[in-house]
């Protein structure tokens, strides 16, 4: 059972990566590890 949970977590991580790549391609900005600074635009 722990192996199944690990596999599901890996699938979820890969799905997140794909979604982030799609957002990047569509919106042309990187949302991974995004750090918002006070006064920053965007």
N, C-alpha and C. Protein backbone atom coordinates (compact mmCIF):
# COMPACT_ATOMS: atom_id res chain seq x y z
N UNK A 1 0.80 -1.21 0.00
CA UNK A 1 0.00 0.00 0.00
C UNK A 1 0.85 1.27 0.00
N UNK A 2 1.94 1.34 0.76
CA UNK A 2 2.75 2.57 0.70
C UNK A 2 3.28 2.85 -0.71
N UNK A 3 3.55 1.79 -1.49
CA UNK A 3 4.04 2.00 -2.85
C UNK A 3 2.96 2.67 -3.71
N UNK A 4 1.71 2.27 -3.51
CA UNK A 4 0.61 2.88 -4.27
C UNK A 4 0.46 4.35 -3.92
N UNK A 5 0.59 4.68 -2.65
CA UNK A 5 0.50 6.08 -2.23
C UNK A 5 1.64 6.89 -2.83
N UNK A 6 2.83 6.32 -2.84
CA UNK A 6 3.99 7.01 -3.41
C UNK A 6 3.78 7.24 -4.91
N UNK A 7 3.24 6.23 -5.60
CA UNK A 7 2.99 6.36 -7.03
C UNK A 7 1.93 7.44 -7.31
N UNK A 8 0.89 7.48 -6.48
CA UNK A 8 -0.14 8.50 -6.66
C UNK A 8 0.43 9.90 -6.41
N UNK A 9 1.31 10.01 -5.43
CA UNK A 9 1.94 11.31 -5.17
C UNK A 9 2.80 11.73 -6.37
N UNK A 10 3.51 10.79 -6.94
CA UNK A 10 4.35 11.10 -8.11
C UNK A 10 3.49 11.54 -9.29
N UNK A 11 2.36 10.85 -9.50
CA UNK A 11 1.45 11.24 -10.58
C UNK A 11 0.93 12.66 -10.35
N UNK A 12 0.58 12.97 -9.11
CA UNK A 12 0.09 14.31 -8.79
C UNK A 12 1.17 15.36 -9.02
N UNK A 13 2.40 15.06 -8.65
CA UNK A 13 3.51 15.99 -8.88
C UNK A 13 3.73 16.23 -10.37
N UNK A 14 3.67 15.17 -11.15
CA UNK A 14 3.85 15.31 -12.60
C UNK A 14 2.71 16.11 -13.22
N UNK A 15 1.49 15.88 -12.74
CA UNK A 15 0.34 16.64 -13.25
C UNK A 15 0.50 18.12 -12.91
N UNK A 16 1.01 18.42 -11.73
CA UNK A 16 1.26 19.81 -11.34
C UNK A 16 2.29 20.44 -12.25
N UNK A 17 3.35 19.70 -12.55
CA UNK A 17 4.39 20.22 -13.44
C UNK A 17 3.83 20.51 -14.83
N UNK A 18 3.00 19.62 -15.34
CA UNK A 18 2.39 19.82 -16.66
C UNK A 18 1.51 21.07 -16.63
N UNK A 19 0.70 21.21 -15.58
CA UNK A 19 -0.18 22.38 -15.47
C UNK A 19 0.63 23.67 -15.41
N UNK A 20 1.73 23.67 -14.66
CA UNK A 20 2.58 24.86 -14.57
C UNK A 20 3.20 25.19 -15.93
N UNK A 21 3.60 24.18 -16.67
CA UNK A 21 4.16 24.41 -18.00
C UNK A 21 3.11 25.00 -18.95
N UNK A 22 1.88 24.52 -18.85
CA UNK A 22 0.81 25.05 -19.70
C UNK A 22 0.55 26.50 -19.35
N UNK A 23 0.49 26.83 -18.07
CA UNK A 23 0.28 28.22 -17.66
C UNK A 23 1.42 29.08 -18.18
N UNK A 24 2.64 28.58 -18.09
CA UNK A 24 3.78 29.34 -18.59
C UNK A 24 3.65 29.61 -20.08
N UNK A 25 3.28 28.58 -20.84
CA UNK A 25 3.14 28.76 -22.29
C UNK A 25 2.03 29.73 -22.64
N UNK A 26 0.94 29.68 -21.89
CA UNK A 26 -0.21 30.54 -22.20
C UNK A 26 0.01 31.96 -21.70
N UNK A 27 0.50 32.10 -20.49
CA UNK A 27 0.60 33.44 -19.89
C UNK A 27 2.00 34.02 -19.97
N UNK A 28 2.95 33.28 -20.43
CA UNK A 28 4.33 33.70 -20.62
C UNK A 28 4.95 34.29 -19.36
N UNK A 29 4.71 33.64 -18.24
CA UNK A 29 5.44 33.98 -17.03
C UNK A 29 5.51 32.76 -16.13
N UNK A 30 6.53 32.73 -15.34
CA UNK A 30 6.79 31.57 -14.50
C UNK A 30 6.08 31.72 -13.16
N UNK A 31 5.27 30.70 -12.80
CA UNK A 31 4.57 30.76 -11.52
C UNK A 31 5.23 29.86 -10.49
N UNK A 32 6.14 28.98 -10.92
CA UNK A 32 6.85 28.12 -9.98
C UNK A 32 7.74 28.96 -9.09
N UNK A 33 7.73 28.68 -7.85
CA UNK A 33 8.58 29.37 -6.89
C UNK A 33 8.43 30.89 -6.99
N UNK A 34 7.22 31.32 -7.29
CA UNK A 34 6.97 32.76 -7.44
C UNK A 34 7.05 33.43 -6.08
N UNK A 35 7.78 34.52 -6.06
CA UNK A 35 7.91 35.31 -4.84
C UNK A 35 7.37 36.70 -5.13
N UNK A 36 6.35 37.05 -4.40
CA UNK A 36 5.79 38.39 -4.61
C UNK A 36 6.47 39.34 -3.63
N UNK A 37 6.87 40.47 -4.18
CA UNK A 37 7.52 41.50 -3.37
C UNK A 37 6.57 42.67 -3.22
N UNK A 38 6.59 43.33 -2.10
CA UNK A 38 5.73 44.51 -1.95
C UNK A 38 6.04 45.54 -3.04
N UNK A 39 5.00 46.01 -3.66
CA UNK A 39 5.17 47.00 -4.72
C UNK A 39 5.47 46.39 -6.08
N UNK A 40 5.61 45.08 -6.17
CA UNK A 40 5.89 44.45 -7.45
C UNK A 40 4.62 44.42 -8.29
N UNK A 41 4.79 44.61 -9.56
CA UNK A 41 3.67 44.58 -10.48
C UNK A 41 3.55 43.20 -11.09
N UNK A 42 2.30 42.76 -11.37
CA UNK A 42 2.12 41.49 -12.06
C UNK A 42 1.36 40.51 -11.34
